[in-house]
């Protein structure tokens, strides 16, 4: 799905808990973090911090992972292995 999107610019909006991505001329994509995060299974409920950090610090990566099947889950699982 996201292979056809051109991610030019992205930012996290804390007021709406969403990622707003410019995908081209006059085109944006809005990703609701609460909805995406709810599909992730956490070993420890505090692991949600990994996704909030990702959304705030790397919104384009968050968007790409959110659009990939199991992308956010794989990210959280990897962070648990690293930490």
PDB file of N, CA and C in Angstrom:
ATOM      1  N   UNK A   1       0.807  -1.188   0.000  1.00  0.00           N
ATOM      2  CA  UNK A   1       0.000   0.000   0.000  1.00  0.00           C
ATOM      3  C   UNK A   1       0.853   1.255   0.000  1.00  0.00           C
ATOM      4  N   UNK A   2       1.799   1.369   0.948  1.00  0.00           N
ATOM      5  CA  UNK A   2       2.589   2.593   1.046  1.00  0.00           C
ATOM      6  C   UNK A   2       3.723   2.650   0.033  1.00  0.00           C
ATOM      7  N   UNK A   3       3.902   1.612  -0.790  1.00  0.00           N
ATOM      8  CA  UNK A   3       4.950   1.640  -1.801  1.00  0.00           C
ATOM      9  C   UNK A   3       4.675   2.713  -2.848  1.00  0.00           C
ATOM     10  N   UNK A   4       3.414   3.070  -3.059  1.00  0.00           N
ATOM     11  CA  UNK A   4       3.048   4.045  -4.062  1.00  0.00           C
ATOM     12  C   UNK A   4       2.996   5.468  -3.504  1.00  0.00           C
ATOM     13  N   UNK A   5       3.121   5.624  -2.207  1.00  0.00           N
ATOM     14  CA  UNK A   5       3.071   6.939  -1.591  1.00  0.00           C
ATOM     15  C   UNK A   5       4.470   7.541  -1.518  1.00  0.00           C
ATOM     16  N   UNK A   6       4.550   8.828  -1.769  1.00  0.00           N
ATOM     17  CA  UNK A   6       5.806   9.548  -1.666  1.00  0.00           C
ATOM     18  C   UNK A   6       5.755  10.378  -0.389  1.00  0.00           C
ATOM     19  N   UNK A   7       6.448   9.920   0.642  1.00  0.00           N
ATOM     20  CA  UNK A   7       6.439  10.602   1.930  1.00  0.00           C
ATOM     21  C   UNK A   7       7.423  11.760   1.891  1.00  0.00           C
ATOM     22  N   UNK A   8       6.917  12.976   1.768  1.00  0.00           N
ATOM     23  CA  UNK A   8       7.783  14.146   1.660  1.00  0.00           C
ATOM     24  C   UNK A   8       8.076  14.798   3.002  1.00  0.00           C
ATOM     25  N   UNK A   9       7.071  14.925   3.813  1.00  0.00           N
ATOM     26  CA  UNK A   9       7.221  15.604   5.094  1.00  0.00           C
ATOM     27  C   UNK A   9       6.191  15.045   6.052  1.00  0.00           C
ATOM     28  N   UNK A  10       6.569  14.891   7.305  1.00  0.00           N
ATOM     29  CA  UNK A  10       5.627  14.404   8.295  1.00  0.00           C
ATOM     30  C   UNK A  10       5.865  15.048   9.640  1.00  0.00           C
ATOM     31  N   UNK A  11       4.790  15.165  10.407  1.00  0.00           N
ATOM     32  CA  UNK A  11       4.917  15.715  11.751  1.00  0.00           C
ATOM     33  C   UNK A  11       3.883  15.082  12.664  1.00  0.00           C
ATOM     34  N   UNK A  12       4.228  15.035  13.933  1.00  0.00           N
ATOM     35  CA  UNK A  12       3.315  14.519  14.944  1.00  0.00           C
ATOM     36  C   UNK A  12       2.520  15.685  15.505  1.00  0.00           C
ATOM     37  N   UNK A  13       1.211  15.524  15.606  1.00  0.00           N
ATOM     38  CA  UNK A  13       0.345  16.537  16.196  1.00  0.00           C
ATOM     39  C   UNK A  13      -0.146  16.006  17.539  1.00  0.00           C
ATOM     40  N   UNK A  14       0.414  16.487  18.663  1.00  0.00           N
ATOM     41  CA  UNK A  14       0.020  15.961  19.966  1.00  0.00           C
ATOM     42  C   UNK A  14      -1.433  16.266  20.333  1.00  0.00           C
ATOM     43  N   UNK A  15      -1.995  17.349  19.807  1.00  0.00           N
ATOM     44  CA  UNK A  15      -3.378  17.708  20.127  1.00  0.00           C
ATOM     45  C   UNK A  15      -4.365  16.663  19.616  1.00  0.00           C
ATOM     46  N   UNK A  16      -4.050  16.050  18.481  1.00  0.00           N
ATOM     47  CA  UNK A  16      -4.935  15.033  17.903  1.00  0.00           C
ATOM     48  C   UNK A  16      -4.337  13.633  17.993  1.00  0.00           C
ATOM     49  N   UNK A  17      -3.136  13.520  18.540  1.00  0.00           N
ATOM     50  CA  UNK A  17      -2.408  12.247  18.623  1.00  0.00           C
ATOM     51  C   UNK A  17      -2.392  11.575  17.255  1.00  0.00           C
ATOM     52  N   UNK A  18      -1.910  12.334  16.268  1.00  0.00           N
ATOM     53  CA  UNK A  18      -1.875  11.813  14.906  1.00  0.00           C
ATOM     54  C   UNK A  18      -0.623  12.265  14.174  1.00  0.00           C
ATOM     55  N   UNK A  19      -0.293  11.511  13.147  1.00  0.00           N
ATOM     56  CA  UNK A  19       0.802  11.840  12.251  1.00  0.00           C
ATOM     57  C   UNK A  19       0.175  12.419  10.988  1.00  0.00           C
ATOM     58  N   UNK A  20       0.680  13.560  10.565  1.00  0.00           N
ATOM     59  CA  UNK A  20       0.217  14.188   9.328  1.00  0.00           C
ATOM     60  C   UNK A  20       1.380  14.136   8.355  1.00  0.00           C
ATOM     61  N   UNK A  21       1.149  13.488   7.207  1.00  0.00           N
ATOM     62  CA  UNK A  21       2.204  13.270   6.225  1.00  0.00           C
ATOM     63  C   UNK A  21       1.817  13.940   4.916  1.00  0.00           C
ATOM     64  N   UNK A  22       2.731  14.731   4.374  1.00  0.00           N
ATOM     65  CA  UNK A  22       2.559  15.285   3.034  1.00  0.00           C
ATOM     66  C   UNK A  22       3.026  14.211   2.070  1.00  0.00           C
ATOM     67  N   UNK A  23       2.111  13.745   1.225  1.00  0.00           N
ATOM     68  CA  UNK A  23       2.444  12.668   0.291  1.00  0.00           C
ATOM     69  C   UNK A  23       2.531  13.155  -1.144  1.00  0.00           C
ATOM     70  N   UNK A  24       2.489  14.440  -1.339  1.00  0.00           N
ATOM     71  CA  UNK A  24       2.582  14.990  -2.689  1.00  0.00           C
ATOM     72  C   UNK A  24       1.822  16.293  -2.777  1.00  0.00           C
ATOM     73  N   UNK A  25       1.755  16.824  -3.961  1.00  0.00           N
ATOM     74  CA  UNK A  25       1.098  18.100  -4.169  1.00  0.00           C
ATOM     75  C   UNK A  25      -0.380  18.019  -3.777  1.00  0.00           C
ATOM     76  N   UNK A  26      -0.759  18.849  -2.806  1.00  0.00           N
ATOM     77  CA  UNK A  26      -2.146  18.911  -2.314  1.00  0.00           C
ATOM     78  C   UNK A  26      -2.662  17.578  -1.785  1.00  0.00           C
ATOM     79  N   UNK A  27      -1.787  16.771  -1.238  1.00  0.00           N
ATOM     80  CA  UNK A  27      -2.192  15.466  -0.745  1.00  0.00           C
ATOM     81  C   UNK A  27      -1.564  15.200   0.619  1.00  0.00           C
ATOM     82  N   UNK A  28      -2.408  14.872   1.598  1.00  0.00           N
ATOM     83  CA  UNK A  28      -1.901  14.526   2.925  1.00  0.00           C
ATOM     84  C   UNK A  28      -2.518  13.207   3.377  1.00  0.00           C
ATOM     85  N   UNK A  29      -1.841  12.600   4.314  1.00  0.00           N
ATOM     86  CA  UNK A  29      -2.302  11.365   4.931  1.00  0.00           C
ATOM     87  C   UNK A  29      -2.304  11.616   6.427  1.00  0.00           C
ATOM     88  N   UNK A  30      -3.399  11.292   7.101  1.00  0.00           N
ATOM     89  CA  UNK A  30      -3.488  11.455   8.547  1.00  0.00           C
ATOM     90  C   UNK A  30      -3.598  10.071   9.164  1.00  0.00           C
ATOM     91  N   UNK A  31      -2.688   9.778  10.085  1.00  0.00           N
ATOM     92  CA  UNK A  31      -2.654   8.478  10.748  1.00  0.00           C
ATOM     93  C   UNK A  31      -2.957   8.695  12.227  1.00  0.00           C
ATOM     94  N   UNK A  32      -4.012   8.070  12.705  1.00  0.00           N
ATOM     95  CA  UNK A  32      -4.417   8.174  14.105  1.00  0.00           C
ATOM     96  C   UNK A  32      -3.563   7.212  14.935  1.00  0.00           C
ATOM     97  N   UNK A  33      -2.693   7.776  15.762  1.00  0.00           N
ATOM     98  CA  UNK A  33      -1.771   6.944  16.547  1.00  0.00           C
ATOM     99  C   UNK A  33      -2.506   6.064  17.549  1.00  0.00           C
ATOM    100  N   UNK A  34      -3.545   6.606  18.190  1.00  0.00           N
ATOM    101  CA  UNK A  34      -4.279   5.812  19.180  1.00  0.00           C
ATOM    102  C   UNK A  34      -4.828   4.545  18.547  1.00  0.00           C
ATOM    103  N   UNK A  35      -5.381   4.682  17.369  1.00  0.00           N
ATOM    104  CA  UNK A  35      -5.946   3.522  16.675  1.00  0.00           C
ATOM    105  C   UNK A  35      -4.844   2.535  16.278  1.00  0.00           C
ATOM    106  N   UNK A  36      -3.756   3.037  15.731  1.00  0.00           N
ATOM    107  CA  UNK A  36      -2.649   2.160  15.329  1.00  0.00           C
ATOM    108  C   UNK A  36      -2.005   1.487  16.533  1.00  0.00           C
ATOM    109  N   UNK A  37      -1.791   2.246  17.594  1.00  0.00           N
ATOM    110  CA  UNK A  37      -1.152   1.694  18.791  1.00  0.00           C
ATOM    111  C   UNK A  37      -2.014   0.624  19.447  1.00  0.00           C
ATOM    112  N   UNK A  38      -3.326   0.725  19.298  1.00  0.00           N
ATOM    113  CA  UNK A  38      -4.207  -0.249  19.943  1.00  0.00           C
ATOM    114  C   UNK A  38      -4.089  -1.638  19.331  1.00  0.00           C
ATOM    115  N   UNK A  39      -3.491  -1.738  18.155  1.00  0.00           N
ATOM    116  CA  UNK A  39      -3.323  -3.049  17.529  1.00  0.00           C
ATOM    117  C   UNK A  39      -2.038  -3.752  17.969  1.00  0.00           C
ATOM    118  N   UNK A  40      -1.220  -3.076  18.760  1.00  0.00           N
ATOM    119  CA  UNK A  40       0.058  -3.626  19.209  1.00  0.00           C
ATOM    120  C   UNK A  40      -0.124  -4.317  20.565  1.00  0.00           C
ATOM    121  N   UNK A  41       0.475  -5.490  20.701  1.00  0.00           N
ATOM    122  CA  UNK A  41       0.460  -6.228  21.967  1.00  0.00           C
ATOM    123  C   UNK A  41       1.785  -5.951  22.672  1.00  0.00           C
ATOM    124  N   UNK A  42       1.695  -5.449  23.897  1.00  0.00           N
ATOM    125  CA  UNK A  42       2.877  -5.067  24.665  1.00  0.00           C
ATOM    126  C   UNK A  42       3.182  -6.108  25.734  1.00  0.00           C
ATOM    127  N   UNK A  43       4.473  -6.475  25.866  1.00  0.00           N
ATOM    128  CA  UNK A  43       4.894  -7.364  26.953  1.00  0.00           C
ATOM    129  C   UNK A  43       4.685  -6.653  28.289  1.00  0.00           C
ATOM    130  N   UNK A  44       4.943  -5.364  28.301  1.00  0.00           N
ATOM    131  CA  UNK A  44       4.783  -4.514  29.474  1.00  0.00           C
ATOM    132  C   UNK A  44       4.011  -3.284  29.010  1.00  0.00           C
ATOM    133  N   UNK A  45       2.947  -2.899  29.695  1.00  0.00           N
ATOM    134  CA  UNK A  45       2.170  -1.734  29.258  1.00  0.00           C
ATOM    135  C   UNK A  45       3.009  -0.462  29.078  1.00  0.00           C
ATOM    136  N   UNK A  46       4.102  -0.357  29.789  1.00  0.00           N
ATOM    137  CA  UNK A  46       4.973   0.812  29.660  1.00  0.00           C
ATOM    138  C   UNK A  46       5.693   0.863  28.314  1.00  0.00           C
ATOM    139  N   UNK A  47       5.676  -0.234  27.566  1.00  0.00           N
ATOM    140  CA  UNK A  47       6.338  -0.264  26.257  1.00  0.00           C
ATOM    141  C   UNK A  47       5.665   0.651  25.238  1.00  0.00           C
ATOM    142  N   UNK A  48       4.493   1.178  25.559  1.00  0.00           N
ATOM    143  CA  UNK A  48       3.828   2.137  24.679  1.00  0.00           C
ATOM    144  C   UNK A  48       4.722   3.344  24.430  1.00  0.00           C
ATOM    145  N   UNK A  49       5.634   3.600  25.357  1.00  0.00           N
ATOM    146  CA  UNK A  49       6.538   4.745  25.212  1.00  0.00           C
ATOM    147  C   UNK A  49       7.377   4.638  23.939  1.00  0.00           C
ATOM    148  N   UNK A  50       7.677   3.418  23.504  1.00  0.00           N
ATOM    149  CA  UNK A  50       8.439   3.259  22.262  1.00  0.00           C
ATOM    150  C   UNK A  50       7.688   3.878  21.086  1.00  0.00           C
ATOM    151  N   UNK A  51       6.384   3.685  21.043  1.00  0.00           N
ATOM    152  CA  UNK A  51       5.602   4.205  19.924  1.00  0.00           C
ATOM    153  C   UNK A  51       5.411   5.711  20.020  1.00  0.00           C
ATOM    154  N   UNK A  52       5.254   6.238  21.245  1.00  0.00           N
ATOM    155  CA  UNK A  52       5.141   7.692  21.387  1.00  0.00           C
ATOM    156  C   UNK A  52       6.444   8.371  21.002  1.00  0.00           C
ATOM    157  N   UNK A  53       7.559   7.780  21.400  1.00  0.00           N
ATOM    158  CA  UNK A  53       8.854   8.351  21.020  1.00  0.00           C
ATOM    159  C   UNK A  53       9.004   8.334  19.502  1.00  0.00           C
ATOM    160  N   UNK A  54       8.665   7.215  18.884  1.00  0.00           N
ATOM    161  CA  UNK A  54       8.777   7.087  17.435  1.00  0.00           C
ATOM    162  C   UNK A  54       7.902   8.120  16.727  1.00  0.00           C
ATOM    163  N   UNK A  55       6.671   8.279  17.177  1.00  0.00           N
ATOM    164  CA  UNK A  55       5.756   9.242  16.550  1.00  0.00           C
ATOM    165  C   UNK A  55       6.291  10.666  16.654  1.00  0.00           C
ATOM    166  N   UNK A  56       6.832  11.026  17.803  1.00  0.00           N
ATOM    167  CA  UNK A  56       7.324  12.387  18.008  1.00  0.00           C
ATOM    168  C   UNK A  56       8.655  12.645  17.314  1.00  0.00           C
ATOM    169  N   UNK A  57       9.559  11.692  17.367  1.00  0.00           N
ATOM    170  CA  UNK A  57      10.918  11.902  16.854  1.00  0.00           C
ATOM    171  C   UNK A  57      11.103  11.493  15.400  1.00  0.00           C
ATOM    172  N   UNK A  58      10.341  10.518  14.926  1.00  0.00           N
ATOM    173  CA  UNK A  58      10.470  10.031  13.548  1.00  0.00           C
ATOM    174  C   UNK A  58       9.095   9.759  12.948  1.00  0.00           C
ATOM    175  N   UNK A  59       8.314  10.828  12.742  1.00  0.00           N
ATOM    176  CA  UNK A  59       6.943  10.620  12.272  1.00  0.00           C
ATOM    177  C   UNK A  59       6.842   9.909  10.920  1.00  0.00           C
ATOM    178  N   UNK A  60       7.789  10.133  10.028  1.00  0.00           N
ATOM    179  CA  UNK A  60       7.726   9.436   8.738  1.00  0.00           C
ATOM    180  C   UNK A  60       7.950   7.940   8.898  1.00  0.00           C
ATOM    181  N   UNK A  61       8.880   7.553   9.760  1.00  0.00           N
ATOM    182  CA  UNK A  61       9.103   6.132  10.014  1.00  0.00           C
ATOM    183  C   UNK A  61       7.873   5.524  10.681  1.00  0.00           C
ATOM    184  N   UNK A  62       7.299   6.241  11.638  1.00  0.00           N
ATOM    185  CA  UNK A  62       6.072   5.752  12.274  1.00  0.00           C
ATOM    186  C   UNK A  62       5.007   5.503  11.211  1.00  0.00           C
ATOM    187  N   UNK A  63       4.808   6.469  10.314  1.00  0.00           N
ATOM    188  CA  UNK A  63       3.791   6.343   9.269  1.00  0.00           C
ATOM    189  C   UNK A  63       4.052   5.126   8.391  1.00  0.00           C
ATOM    190  N   UNK A  64       5.285   4.951   7.975  1.00  0.00           N
ATOM    191  CA  UNK A  64       5.618   3.815   7.115  1.00  0.00           C
ATOM    192  C   UNK A  64       5.376   2.489   7.829  1.00  0.00           C
ATOM    193  N   UNK A  65       5.752   2.412   9.110  1.00  0.00           N
ATOM    194  CA  UNK A  65       5.539   1.183   9.870  1.00  0.00           C
ATOM    195  C   UNK A  65       4.055   0.946  10.130  1.00  0.00           C
ATOM    196  N   UNK A  66       3.302   2.011  10.391  1.00  0.00           N
ATOM    197  CA  UNK A  66       1.870   1.878  10.659  1.00  0.00           C
ATOM    198  C   UNK A  66       1.125   1.341   9.437  1.00  0.00           C
ATOM    199  N   UNK A  67       1.625   1.641   8.242  1.00  0.00           N
ATOM    200  CA  UNK A  67       0.983   1.183   7.017  1.00  0.00           C
ATOM    201  C   UNK A  67       1.426  -0.211   6.589  1.00  0.00           C
ATOM    202  N   UNK A  68       2.432  -0.735   7.251  1.00  0.00           N
ATOM    203  CA  UNK A  68       2.943  -2.073   6.934  1.00  0.00           C
ATOM    204  C   UNK A  68       2.326  -3.079   7.909  1.00  0.00           C
ATOM    205  N   UNK A  69       1.921  -4.216   7.395  1.00  0.00           N
ATOM    206  CA  UNK A  69       1.343  -5.238   8.260  1.00  0.00           C
ATOM    207  C   UNK A  69       2.345  -5.623   9.343  1.00  0.00           C
ATOM    208  N   UNK A  70       1.933  -5.544  10.594  1.00  0.00           N
ATOM    209  CA  UNK A  70       2.757  -5.847  11.775  1.00  0.00           C
ATOM    210  C   UNK A  70       3.961  -4.921  11.934  1.00  0.00           C
ATOM    211  N   UNK A  71       3.988  -3.816  11.223  1.00  0.00           N
ATOM    212  CA  UNK A  71       5.141  -2.921  11.290  1.00  0.00           C
ATOM    213  C   UNK A  71       5.395  -2.357  12.675  1.00  0.00           C
ATOM    214  N   UNK A  72       4.352  -1.839  13.318  1.00  0.00           N
ATOM    215  CA  UNK A  72       4.529  -1.274  14.660  1.00  0.00           C
ATOM    216  C   UNK A  72       4.800  -2.371  15.683  1.00  0.00           C
ATOM    217  N   UNK A  73       4.150  -3.523  15.521  1.00  0.00           N
ATOM    218  CA  UNK A  73       4.395  -4.651  16.427  1.00  0.00           C
ATOM    219  C   UNK A  73       5.844  -5.106  16.319  1.00  0.00           C
ATOM    220  N   UNK A  74       6.339  -5.225  15.103  1.00  0.00           N
ATOM    221  CA  UNK A  74       7.728  -5.634  14.897  1.00  0.00           C
ATOM    222  C   UNK A  74       8.686  -4.624  15.503  1.00  0.00           C
ATOM    223  N   UNK A  75       8.359  -3.336  15.401  1.00  0.00           N
ATOM    224  CA  UNK A  75       9.211  -2.297  15.981  1.00  0.00           C
ATOM    225  C   UNK A  75       9.279  -2.435  17.501  1.00  0.00           C
ATOM    226  N   UNK A  76       8.123  -2.589  18.138  1.00  0.00           N
ATOM    227  CA  UNK A  76       8.094  -2.734  19.601  1.00  0.00           C
ATOM    228  C   UNK A  76       8.828  -4.000  20.027  1.00  0.00           C
ATOM    229  N   UNK A  77       8.610  -5.089  19.305  1.00  0.00           N
ATOM    230  CA  UNK A  77       9.310  -6.338  19.635  1.00  0.00           C
ATOM    231  C   UNK A  77      10.821  -6.168  19.522  1.00  0.00           C
ATOM    232  N   UNK A  78      11.281  -5.467  18.484  1.00  0.00           N
ATOM    233  CA  UNK A  78      12.715  -5.222  18.318  1.00  0.00           C
ATOM    234  C   UNK A  78      13.261  -4.354  19.428  1.00  0.00           C
ATOM    235  N   UNK A  79      12.505  -3.346  19.826  1.00  0.00           N
ATOM    236  CA  UNK A  79      12.965  -2.479  20.922  1.00  0.00           C
ATOM    237  C   UNK A  79      13.089  -3.263  22.220  1.00  0.00           C
ATOM    238  N   UNK A  80      12.197  -4.204  22.431  1.00  0.00           N
ATOM    239  CA  UNK A  80      12.274  -5.033  23.636  1.00  0.00           C
ATOM    240  C   UNK A  80      13.519  -5.910  23.624  1.00  0.00           C
ATOM    241  N   UNK A  81      13.914  -6.382  22.456  1.00  0.00           N
ATOM    242  CA  UNK A  81      15.114  -7.209  22.358  1.00  0.00           C
ATOM    243  C   UNK A  81      16.350  -6.345  22.626  1.00  0.00           C
ATOM    244  N   UNK A  82      16.368  -5.157  22.052  1.00  0.00           N
ATOM    245  CA  UNK A  82      17.523  -4.247  22.212  1.00  0.00           C
ATOM    246  C   UNK A  82      17.662  -3.791  23.660  1.00  0.00           C
ATOM    247  N   UNK A  83      16.547  -3.491  24.281  1.00  0.00           N
ATOM    248  CA  UNK A  83      16.584  -2.964  25.656  1.00  0.00           C
ATOM    249  C   UNK A  83      16.374  -4.073  26.637  1.00  0.00           C
TER     250      UNK A  83
END
